[in-house]
Amino acid sequence: MKRYLLPLLALLWLAGCSGSNDSLREKLQAAVTEGEAGPEGYKTIDMAALTDFDWDRMYFFQPNEDEAAISDVLGFEWSGSEVPEEHRRLLFVKGQEVVSYVDYYYKDFPLFVYGCGDDRWIYPKSRAAFASFKYCSGDQEIYTFIPVACLDNVRELMGSKCPEAEATVAE
């Protein structure tokens, strides 16, 4: 029995350490989608407060970006999986090591991440405060996610309210 227990525990530990951080995805989704925007028209999401691990930089990747593309952006080898179809990835790095990542299915959680100036989709922990608000594109609700310092780049989207939100305001 003991002979099988140690390898089983090692396998479970490895399985728990690999793959998307579902707990963080749930916290992020709740922070973005629950509650109301503040008086300035957006919520502030502090990624440093949502994470329970140490990191230096957060990266954003689009669907189907493979190991080579991710490694090129990181500047060191990523041995994980490519970003799945119709998913987005937030990947957290400490030094030269990936410490965690979150994959989310865009159709269930339509979080659109915006770049900020020259850094585009690389966010240092020193700028972990992100502005988020809901807007409509056609008939789809979308949530913004942009560093607060760059909010003016997308401020015009705040006026793109969803039909049900407009009906509620009119009542």
N, C-alpha and C. Protein backbone atom coordinates (compact mmCIF):
# COMPACT_ATOMS: atom_id res chain seq x y z
N MET A 1 0.82 -1.19 0.00
CA MET A 1 0.00 0.00 0.00
C MET A 1 0.87 1.26 0.00
N LYS A 2 1.87 1.31 0.90
CA LYS A 2 2.74 2.48 0.98
C LYS A 2 3.49 2.69 -0.33
N ARG A 3 3.80 1.58 -1.00
CA ARG A 3 4.53 1.64 -2.26
C ARG A 3 3.75 2.43 -3.32
N TYR A 4 2.43 2.38 -3.28
CA TYR A 4 1.60 3.07 -4.26
C TYR A 4 1.17 4.47 -3.80
N LEU A 5 1.19 4.68 -2.51
CA LEU A 5 0.72 5.95 -1.97
C LEU A 5 1.63 7.12 -2.35
N LEU A 6 2.93 6.95 -2.22
CA LEU A 6 3.86 8.04 -2.53
C LEU A 6 3.80 8.45 -4.00
N PRO A 7 3.83 7.51 -4.95
CA PRO A 7 3.70 7.94 -6.36
C PRO A 7 2.34 8.59 -6.66
N LEU A 8 1.28 8.12 -6.02
CA LEU A 8 -0.03 8.71 -6.23
C LEU A 8 -0.07 10.15 -5.70
N LEU A 9 0.49 10.36 -4.52
CA LEU A 9 0.55 11.71 -3.96
C LEU A 9 1.40 12.63 -4.84
N ALA A 10 2.51 12.13 -5.35
CA ALA A 10 3.36 12.93 -6.24
C ALA A 10 2.61 13.31 -7.51
N LEU A 11 1.85 12.37 -8.06
CA LEU A 11 1.07 12.64 -9.26
C LEU A 11 0.00 13.69 -9.00
N LEU A 12 -0.69 13.58 -7.87
CA LEU A 12 -1.71 14.57 -7.52
C LEU A 12 -1.09 15.94 -7.30
N TRP A 13 0.08 16.00 -6.70
CA TRP A 13 0.76 17.27 -6.47
C TRP A 13 1.12 17.92 -7.80
N LEU A 14 1.68 17.12 -8.72
CA LEU A 14 2.05 17.65 -10.03
C LEU A 14 0.82 18.13 -10.80
N ALA A 15 -0.27 17.37 -10.72
CA ALA A 15 -1.49 17.76 -11.40
C ALA A 15 -2.02 19.06 -10.83
N GLY A 16 -1.91 19.25 -9.53
CA GLY A 16 -2.37 20.48 -8.90
C GLY A 16 -1.50 21.67 -9.25
N CYS A 17 -0.25 21.45 -9.58
CA CYS A 17 0.67 22.55 -9.88
C CYS A 17 0.66 22.94 -11.35
N SER A 18 0.06 22.13 -12.18
CA SER A 18 0.03 22.46 -13.59
C SER A 18 -1.38 22.85 -13.99
N GLY A 19 -1.46 23.57 -15.07
CA GLY A 19 -2.76 23.97 -15.56
C GLY A 19 -3.18 25.33 -15.04
N SER A 20 -4.30 25.76 -15.54
CA SER A 20 -4.83 27.07 -15.21
C SER A 20 -5.23 27.17 -13.74
N ASN A 21 -5.02 28.33 -13.17
CA ASN A 21 -5.35 28.61 -11.77
C ASN A 21 -6.84 28.96 -11.70
N ASP A 22 -7.68 27.95 -11.48
CA ASP A 22 -9.12 28.15 -11.47
C ASP A 22 -9.58 29.04 -10.33
N SER A 23 -8.93 28.95 -9.20
CA SER A 23 -9.29 29.79 -8.06
C SER A 23 -9.11 31.27 -8.39
N LEU A 24 -8.00 31.60 -9.02
CA LEU A 24 -7.75 32.99 -9.41
C LEU A 24 -8.73 33.43 -10.48
N ARG A 25 -9.04 32.55 -11.43
CA ARG A 25 -10.02 32.90 -12.48
C ARG A 25 -11.36 33.24 -11.84
N GLU A 26 -11.78 32.44 -10.86
CA GLU A 26 -13.06 32.69 -10.19
C GLU A 26 -13.03 34.02 -9.44
N LYS A 27 -11.92 34.33 -8.75
CA LYS A 27 -11.81 35.60 -8.04
C LYS A 27 -11.83 36.77 -9.02
N LEU A 28 -11.10 36.64 -10.12
CA LEU A 28 -11.06 37.69 -11.13
C LEU A 28 -12.44 37.91 -11.74
N GLN A 29 -13.11 36.83 -12.11
CA GLN A 29 -14.42 36.95 -12.72
C GLN A 29 -15.41 37.60 -11.76
N ALA A 30 -15.38 37.23 -10.50
CA ALA A 30 -16.27 37.85 -9.51
C ALA A 30 -15.95 39.34 -9.36
N ALA A 31 -14.67 39.67 -9.28
CA ALA A 31 -14.28 41.08 -9.11
C ALA A 31 -14.73 41.93 -10.29
N VAL A 32 -14.68 41.37 -11.48
CA VAL A 32 -15.03 42.12 -12.69
C VAL A 32 -16.54 42.20 -12.89
N THR A 33 -17.25 41.09 -12.67
CA THR A 33 -18.67 41.03 -13.06
C THR A 33 -19.65 41.35 -11.95
N GLU A 34 -19.27 41.20 -10.70
CA GLU A 34 -20.21 41.42 -9.60
C GLU A 34 -20.14 42.85 -9.10
N GLY A 35 -21.28 43.36 -8.64
CA GLY A 35 -21.32 44.70 -8.10
C GLY A 35 -21.42 45.75 -9.20
N GLU A 36 -21.47 46.98 -8.77
CA GLU A 36 -21.64 48.10 -9.69
C GLU A 36 -20.34 48.87 -9.87
N ALA A 37 -20.25 49.55 -11.00
CA ALA A 37 -19.12 50.45 -11.23
C ALA A 37 -19.24 51.62 -10.26
N GLY A 38 -18.12 52.20 -9.91
CA GLY A 38 -18.12 53.33 -8.99
C GLY A 38 -18.62 54.60 -9.66
N PRO A 39 -18.62 55.70 -8.93
CA PRO A 39 -19.13 56.97 -9.48
C PRO A 39 -18.35 57.47 -10.70
N GLU A 40 -17.10 57.02 -10.83
CA GLU A 40 -16.31 57.44 -11.99
C GLU A 40 -16.61 56.59 -13.23
N GLY A 41 -17.50 55.58 -13.08
CA GLY A 41 -17.93 54.77 -14.22
C GLY A 41 -17.19 53.46 -14.40
N TYR A 42 -16.28 53.12 -13.51
CA TYR A 42 -15.54 51.86 -13.60
C TYR A 42 -15.20 51.34 -12.21
N LYS A 43 -14.80 50.07 -12.18
CA LYS A 43 -14.29 49.46 -10.95
C LYS A 43 -12.78 49.42 -11.07
N THR A 44 -12.12 49.44 -9.93
CA THR A 44 -10.68 49.24 -9.93
C THR A 44 -10.41 47.84 -9.39
N ILE A 45 -9.72 47.04 -10.18
CA ILE A 45 -9.36 45.67 -9.82
C ILE A 45 -7.87 45.65 -9.53
N ASP A 46 -7.50 45.30 -8.33
CA ASP A 46 -6.09 45.23 -7.93
C ASP A 46 -5.62 43.78 -8.08
N MET A 47 -4.89 43.50 -9.15
CA MET A 47 -4.43 42.13 -9.39
C MET A 47 -3.48 41.64 -8.30
N ALA A 48 -2.69 42.53 -7.70
CA ALA A 48 -1.80 42.12 -6.62
C ALA A 48 -2.60 41.62 -5.42
N ALA A 49 -3.76 42.23 -5.16
CA ALA A 49 -4.60 41.80 -4.05
C ALA A 49 -5.34 40.49 -4.35
N LEU A 50 -5.62 40.23 -5.63
CA LEU A 50 -6.32 38.99 -5.99
C LEU A 50 -5.42 37.76 -5.97
N THR A 51 -4.13 37.97 -6.13
CA THR A 51 -3.21 36.84 -6.21
C THR A 51 -2.68 36.48 -4.83
N ASP A 52 -2.43 35.19 -4.63
CA ASP A 52 -1.86 34.71 -3.37
C ASP A 52 -0.46 34.13 -3.58
N PHE A 53 0.22 34.65 -4.59
CA PHE A 53 1.59 34.23 -4.91
C PHE A 53 2.37 35.46 -5.32
N ASP A 54 3.68 35.37 -5.29
CA ASP A 54 4.53 36.50 -5.63
C ASP A 54 4.80 36.51 -7.13
N TRP A 55 4.72 37.68 -7.74
CA TRP A 55 4.98 37.83 -9.18
C TRP A 55 5.54 39.21 -9.46
N ASP A 56 6.26 39.32 -10.59
CA ASP A 56 6.84 40.59 -11.04
C ASP A 56 6.06 41.20 -12.20
N ARG A 57 5.64 40.33 -13.13
CA ARG A 57 4.99 40.77 -14.36
C ARG A 57 3.82 39.86 -14.69
N MET A 58 2.80 40.47 -15.29
CA MET A 58 1.66 39.71 -15.80
C MET A 58 1.63 39.92 -17.31
N TYR A 59 1.41 38.85 -18.05
CA TYR A 59 1.33 38.90 -19.51
C TYR A 59 -0.07 38.48 -19.95
N PHE A 60 -0.49 39.01 -21.09
CA PHE A 60 -1.77 38.63 -21.68
C PHE A 60 -1.50 37.98 -23.03
N PHE A 61 -2.14 36.81 -23.26
CA PHE A 61 -1.98 36.09 -24.53
C PHE A 61 -3.34 35.78 -25.14
N GLN A 62 -3.38 35.80 -26.46
CA GLN A 62 -4.57 35.55 -27.25
C GLN A 62 -4.72 34.05 -27.54
N PRO A 63 -5.87 33.64 -28.09
CA PRO A 63 -6.08 32.23 -28.42
C PRO A 63 -5.05 31.69 -29.40
N ASN A 64 -4.71 30.43 -29.22
CA ASN A 64 -3.84 29.67 -30.12
C ASN A 64 -2.39 30.12 -30.12
N GLU A 65 -1.99 31.01 -29.20
CA GLU A 65 -0.57 31.33 -29.12
C GLU A 65 0.12 30.10 -28.54
N ASP A 66 1.13 29.61 -29.27
CA ASP A 66 1.77 28.35 -28.89
C ASP A 66 2.98 28.58 -27.98
N GLU A 67 3.62 27.47 -27.62
CA GLU A 67 4.76 27.51 -26.71
C GLU A 67 5.87 28.42 -27.22
N ALA A 68 6.15 28.37 -28.51
CA ALA A 68 7.22 29.18 -29.08
C ALA A 68 6.89 30.67 -29.00
N ALA A 69 5.66 31.04 -29.34
CA ALA A 69 5.26 32.44 -29.29
C ALA A 69 5.29 32.97 -27.86
N ILE A 70 4.82 32.16 -26.92
CA ILE A 70 4.83 32.56 -25.51
C ILE A 70 6.26 32.70 -25.02
N SER A 71 7.11 31.74 -25.37
CA SER A 71 8.53 31.81 -24.97
C SER A 71 9.21 33.06 -25.52
N ASP A 72 8.90 33.42 -26.77
CA ASP A 72 9.49 34.62 -27.38
C ASP A 72 9.13 35.87 -26.58
N VAL A 73 7.89 35.97 -26.16
CA VAL A 73 7.45 37.14 -25.41
C VAL A 73 8.07 37.15 -24.02
N LEU A 74 8.11 35.99 -23.37
CA LEU A 74 8.64 35.90 -22.01
C LEU A 74 10.15 36.13 -21.97
N GLY A 75 10.84 35.70 -23.01
CA GLY A 75 12.30 35.80 -23.02
C GLY A 75 12.97 34.59 -22.38
N PHE A 76 12.20 33.57 -22.08
CA PHE A 76 12.71 32.29 -21.59
C PHE A 76 11.73 31.20 -22.00
N GLU A 77 12.15 29.96 -21.88
CA GLU A 77 11.34 28.85 -22.38
C GLU A 77 10.10 28.59 -21.54
N TRP A 78 8.96 28.57 -22.24
CA TRP A 78 7.68 28.18 -21.64
C TRP A 78 7.42 26.75 -22.09
N SER A 79 7.26 25.86 -21.14
CA SER A 79 7.05 24.45 -21.49
C SER A 79 5.60 24.04 -21.28
N GLY A 80 4.73 25.00 -21.07
CA GLY A 80 3.32 24.71 -20.90
C GLY A 80 2.60 24.60 -22.23
N SER A 81 1.30 24.57 -22.15
CA SER A 81 0.47 24.38 -23.34
C SER A 81 0.22 25.70 -24.07
N GLU A 82 -0.26 25.58 -25.30
CA GLU A 82 -0.67 26.76 -26.05
C GLU A 82 -1.99 27.25 -25.47
N VAL A 83 -2.35 28.48 -25.79
CA VAL A 83 -3.62 29.04 -25.33
C VAL A 83 -4.73 28.36 -26.14
N PRO A 84 -5.70 27.73 -25.46
CA PRO A 84 -6.76 27.01 -26.19
C PRO A 84 -7.60 27.93 -27.06
N GLU A 85 -8.23 27.34 -28.06
CA GLU A 85 -9.16 28.04 -28.95
C GLU A 85 -10.23 28.74 -28.11
N GLU A 86 -10.54 29.99 -28.47
CA GLU A 86 -11.57 30.82 -27.82
C GLU A 86 -11.29 31.11 -26.35
N HIS A 87 -10.03 30.97 -25.93
CA HIS A 87 -9.61 31.30 -24.57
C HIS A 87 -8.63 32.46 -24.62
N ARG A 88 -8.43 33.06 -23.47
CA ARG A 88 -7.40 34.08 -23.27
C ARG A 88 -6.58 33.63 -22.06
N ARG A 89 -5.36 34.12 -21.94
CA ARG A 89 -4.49 33.71 -20.83
C ARG A 89 -3.83 34.92 -20.19
N LEU A 90 -3.88 34.97 -18.87
CA LEU A 90 -3.08 35.88 -18.06
C LEU A 90 -2.02 35.01 -17.41
N LEU A 91 -0.76 35.34 -17.65
CA LEU A 91 0.36 34.52 -17.19
C LEU A 91 1.24 35.37 -16.27
N PHE A 92 1.59 34.83 -15.11
CA PHE A 92 2.33 35.57 -14.08
C PHE A 92 3.75 35.02 -13.96
N VAL A 93 4.71 35.94 -13.93
CA VAL A 93 6.13 35.57 -13.91
C VAL A 93 6.81 36.23 -12.71
N LYS A 94 7.69 35.48 -12.09
CA LYS A 94 8.59 35.99 -11.05
C LYS A 94 10.00 35.69 -11.52
N GLY A 95 10.79 36.73 -11.79
CA GLY A 95 12.14 36.52 -12.33
C GLY A 95 12.05 35.87 -13.69
N GLN A 96 12.61 34.69 -13.81
CA GLN A 96 12.60 33.92 -15.07
C GLN A 96 11.77 32.65 -14.92
N GLU A 97 10.70 32.72 -14.13
CA GLU A 97 9.88 31.53 -13.88
C GLU A 97 8.40 31.89 -13.92
N VAL A 98 7.62 31.06 -14.60
CA VAL A 98 6.17 31.21 -14.59
C VAL A 98 5.68 30.67 -13.25
N VAL A 99 4.96 31.51 -12.50
CA VAL A 99 4.47 31.08 -11.18
C VAL A 99 3.00 30.70 -11.20
N SER A 100 2.26 31.19 -12.18
CA SER A 100 0.85 30.82 -12.30
C SER A 100 0.31 31.39 -13.61
N TYR A 101 -0.83 30.84 -14.02
CA TYR A 101 -1.53 31.43 -15.16
C TYR A 101 -3.01 31.11 -15.07
N VAL A 102 -3.80 31.94 -15.76
CA VAL A 102 -5.25 31.80 -15.79
C VAL A 102 -5.69 31.75 -17.24
N ASP A 103 -6.35 30.67 -17.62
CA ASP A 103 -7.01 30.60 -18.92
C ASP A 103 -8.49 30.83 -18.67
N TYR A 104 -9.11 31.66 -19.51
CA TYR A 104 -10.56 31.83 -19.38
C TYR A 104 -11.21 31.75 -20.75
N TYR A 105 -12.38 31.14 -20.77
CA TYR A 105 -13.16 30.95 -21.98
C TYR A 105 -13.90 32.26 -22.27
N TYR A 106 -13.54 32.90 -23.36
CA TYR A 106 -14.02 34.25 -23.66
C TYR A 106 -15.54 34.33 -23.82
N LYS A 107 -16.18 33.27 -24.30
CA LYS A 107 -17.63 33.32 -24.49
C LYS A 107 -18.37 33.32 -23.15
N ASP A 108 -17.80 32.70 -22.13
CA ASP A 108 -18.41 32.69 -20.80
C ASP A 108 -17.99 33.89 -19.96
N PHE A 109 -16.80 34.40 -20.20
CA PHE A 109 -16.26 35.53 -19.45
C PHE A 109 -15.60 36.47 -20.45
N PRO A 110 -16.39 37.35 -21.09
CA PRO A 110 -15.86 38.21 -22.14
C PRO A 110 -15.05 39.39 -21.60
N LEU A 111 -13.88 39.08 -21.11
CA LEU A 111 -12.96 40.09 -20.58
C LEU A 111 -11.99 40.46 -21.68
N PHE A 112 -12.04 41.72 -22.12
CA PHE A 112 -11.16 42.20 -23.17
C PHE A 112 -10.04 42.99 -22.53
N VAL A 113 -8.83 42.50 -22.66
CA VAL A 113 -7.66 43.12 -22.04
C VAL A 113 -7.04 44.09 -23.04
N TYR A 114 -6.81 45.30 -22.57
CA TYR A 114 -6.22 46.35 -23.39
C TYR A 114 -4.77 46.58 -23.00
N GLY A 115 -3.97 46.92 -23.99
CA GLY A 115 -2.59 47.28 -23.74
C GLY A 115 -2.49 48.71 -23.25
N CYS A 116 -1.28 49.07 -22.88
CA CYS A 116 -1.07 50.39 -22.30
C CYS A 116 0.25 50.95 -22.82
N GLY A 117 0.16 51.85 -23.80
CA GLY A 117 1.37 52.46 -24.33
C GLY A 117 2.27 51.43 -25.00
N ASP A 118 3.56 51.58 -24.76
CA ASP A 118 4.55 50.71 -25.40
C ASP A 118 4.62 49.32 -24.80
N ASP A 119 4.16 49.14 -23.56
CA ASP A 119 4.29 47.82 -22.94
C ASP A 119 3.26 46.83 -23.47
N ARG A 120 2.24 47.31 -24.13
CA ARG A 120 1.19 46.49 -24.73
C ARG A 120 0.62 45.49 -23.73
N TRP A 121 0.93 44.23 -23.84
CA TRP A 121 0.30 43.23 -22.98
C TRP A 121 1.26 42.65 -21.95
N ILE A 122 2.15 43.49 -21.45
CA ILE A 122 3.07 43.12 -20.37
C ILE A 122 2.87 44.14 -19.27
N TYR A 123 2.45 43.66 -18.10
CA TYR A 123 2.07 44.56 -17.02
C TYR A 123 2.94 44.29 -15.79
N PRO A 124 3.77 45.26 -15.39
CA PRO A 124 4.56 45.08 -14.17
C PRO A 124 3.65 45.14 -12.95
N LYS A 125 4.04 44.44 -11.90
CA LYS A 125 3.24 44.42 -10.68
C LYS A 125 3.08 45.81 -10.09
N SER A 126 4.01 46.70 -10.35
CA SER A 126 3.93 48.07 -9.85
C SER A 126 2.72 48.82 -10.42
N ARG A 127 2.16 48.30 -11.51
CA ARG A 127 0.94 48.88 -12.10
C ARG A 127 -0.14 47.81 -12.16
N ALA A 128 -0.47 47.25 -11.00
CA ALA A 128 -1.42 46.13 -10.92
C ALA A 128 -2.87 46.58 -10.81
N ALA A 129 -3.13 47.88 -10.82
CA ALA A 129 -4.50 48.39 -10.72
C ALA A 129 -5.10 48.52 -12.13
N PHE A 130 -6.20 47.82 -12.35
CA PHE A 130 -6.86 47.81 -13.65
C PHE A 130 -8.26 48.38 -13.53
N ALA A 131 -8.66 49.15 -14.54
CA ALA A 131 -10.02 49.67 -14.63
C ALA A 131 -10.86 48.66 -15.39
N SER A 132 -12.10 48.46 -14.91
CA SER A 132 -13.00 47.53 -15.58
C SER A 132 -14.41 48.10 -15.57
N PHE A 133 -15.06 48.00 -16.71
CA PHE A 133 -16.47 48.39 -16.82
C PHE A 133 -17.07 47.59 -17.96
N LYS A 134 -18.39 47.49 -17.94
CA LYS A 134 -19.11 46.73 -18.97
C LYS A 134 -19.57 47.68 -20.06
N TYR A 135 -19.45 47.23 -21.29
CA TYR A 135 -19.99 47.97 -22.42
C TYR A 135 -20.55 46.98 -23.42
N CYS A 136 -21.26 47.46 -24.42
CA CYS A 136 -21.83 46.59 -25.44
C CYS A 136 -21.19 46.84 -26.79
N SER A 137 -20.94 45.76 -27.47
CA SER A 137 -20.48 45.81 -28.85
C SER A 137 -21.50 44.98 -29.62
N GLY A 138 -22.36 45.65 -30.37
CA GLY A 138 -23.48 44.96 -30.98
C GLY A 138 -24.43 44.54 -29.88
N ASP A 139 -24.67 43.25 -29.77
CA ASP A 139 -25.54 42.77 -28.68
C ASP A 139 -24.75 41.98 -27.64
N GLN A 140 -23.42 42.08 -27.67
CA GLN A 140 -22.60 41.34 -26.73
C GLN A 140 -22.06 42.25 -25.62
N GLU A 141 -22.24 41.81 -24.38
CA GLU A 141 -21.65 42.51 -23.24
C GLU A 141 -20.18 42.14 -23.15
N ILE A 142 -19.35 43.15 -22.96
CA ILE A 142 -17.90 42.94 -22.86
C ILE A 142 -17.41 43.73 -21.65
N TYR A 143 -16.44 43.15 -20.96
CA TYR A 143 -15.82 43.83 -19.82
C TYR A 143 -14.42 44.29 -20.22
N THR A 144 -14.12 45.55 -19.95
CA THR A 144 -12.78 46.06 -20.21
C THR A 144 -11.86 45.68 -19.07
N PHE A 145 -10.58 45.65 -19.38
CA PHE A 145 -9.54 45.41 -18.38
C PHE A 145 -8.31 46.14 -18.89
N ILE A 146 -8.05 47.30 -18.31
CA ILE A 146 -6.96 48.16 -18.78
C ILE A 146 -6.32 48.82 -17.57
N PRO A 147 -5.00 48.99 -17.58
CA PRO A 147 -4.38 49.70 -16.46
C PRO A 147 -5.07 51.06 -16.25
N VAL A 148 -5.35 51.38 -14.99
CA VAL A 148 -6.05 52.62 -14.66
C VAL A 148 -5.37 53.82 -15.32
N ALA A 149 -4.05 53.82 -15.36
CA ALA A 149 -3.31 54.95 -15.94
C ALA A 149 -3.65 55.17 -17.42
N CYS A 150 -4.17 54.14 -18.09
CA CYS A 150 -4.46 54.24 -19.52
C CYS A 150 -5.96 54.27 -19.83
N LEU A 151 -6.77 54.46 -18.81
CA LEU A 151 -8.22 54.44 -18.98
C LEU A 151 -8.70 55.41 -20.05
N ASP A 152 -8.07 56.56 -20.17
CA ASP A 152 -8.52 57.54 -21.17
C ASP A 152 -8.46 56.98 -22.59
N ASN A 153 -7.64 55.95 -22.82
CA ASN A 153 -7.54 55.34 -24.16
C ASN A 153 -8.84 54.68 -24.59
N VAL A 154 -9.67 54.26 -23.62
CA VAL A 154 -10.92 53.54 -23.94
C VAL A 154 -12.14 54.17 -23.28
N ARG A 155 -11.99 55.35 -22.74
CA ARG A 155 -13.08 56.00 -21.99
C ARG A 155 -14.36 56.13 -22.82
N GLU A 156 -14.24 56.32 -24.13
CA GLU A 156 -15.43 56.47 -24.98
C GLU A 156 -16.32 55.22 -24.96
N LEU A 157 -15.75 54.06 -24.63
CA LEU A 157 -16.54 52.83 -24.56
C LEU A 157 -17.54 52.86 -23.41
N MET A 158 -17.30 53.69 -22.40
CA MET A 158 -18.22 53.79 -21.26
C MET A 158 -19.61 54.22 -21.72
N GLY A 159 -19.70 54.91 -22.83
CA GLY A 159 -20.99 55.34 -23.34
C GLY A 159 -21.75 54.28 -24.10
N SER A 160 -21.13 53.13 -24.35
CA SER A 160 -21.76 52.04 -25.11
C SER A 160 -22.48 51.12 -24.14
N LYS A 161 -23.59 51.59 -23.60
CA LYS A 161 -24.35 50.82 -22.61
C LYS A 161 -25.16 49.74 -23.30
N CYS A 162 -25.39 48.67 -22.56
CA CYS A 162 -26.22 47.57 -23.06
C CYS A 162 -27.69 47.96 -22.99
N PRO A 163 -28.53 47.46 -23.89
CA PRO A 163 -29.95 47.84 -23.92
C PRO A 163 -30.66 47.68 -22.57
N GLU A 164 -30.44 46.58 -21.87
CA GLU A 164 -31.11 46.38 -20.58
C GLU A 164 -30.64 47.40 -19.55
N ALA A 165 -29.39 47.82 -19.63
CA ALA A 165 -28.88 48.84 -18.70
C ALA A 165 -29.54 50.19 -19.00
N GLU A 166 -29.75 50.49 -20.28
CA GLU A 166 -30.41 51.75 -20.65
C GLU A 166 -31.85 51.75 -20.21
N ALA A 167 -32.55 50.59 -20.33
CA ALA A 167 -33.94 50.49 -19.92
C ALA A 167 -34.07 50.68 -18.41
N THR A 168 -33.12 50.13 -17.66
CA THR A 168 -33.14 50.25 -16.20
C THR A 168 -32.92 51.71 -15.79
N VAL A 169 -32.03 52.40 -16.46
CA VAL A 169 -31.74 53.80 -16.15
C VAL A 169 -32.96 54.66 -16.47
N ALA A 170 -33.68 54.36 -17.56
CA ALA A 170 -34.84 55.15 -17.98
C ALA A 170 -36.02 55.01 -17.02
N GLU A 171 -36.09 53.88 -16.33
CA GLU A 171 -37.23 53.65 -15.42
C GLU A 171 -37.12 54.42 -14.20
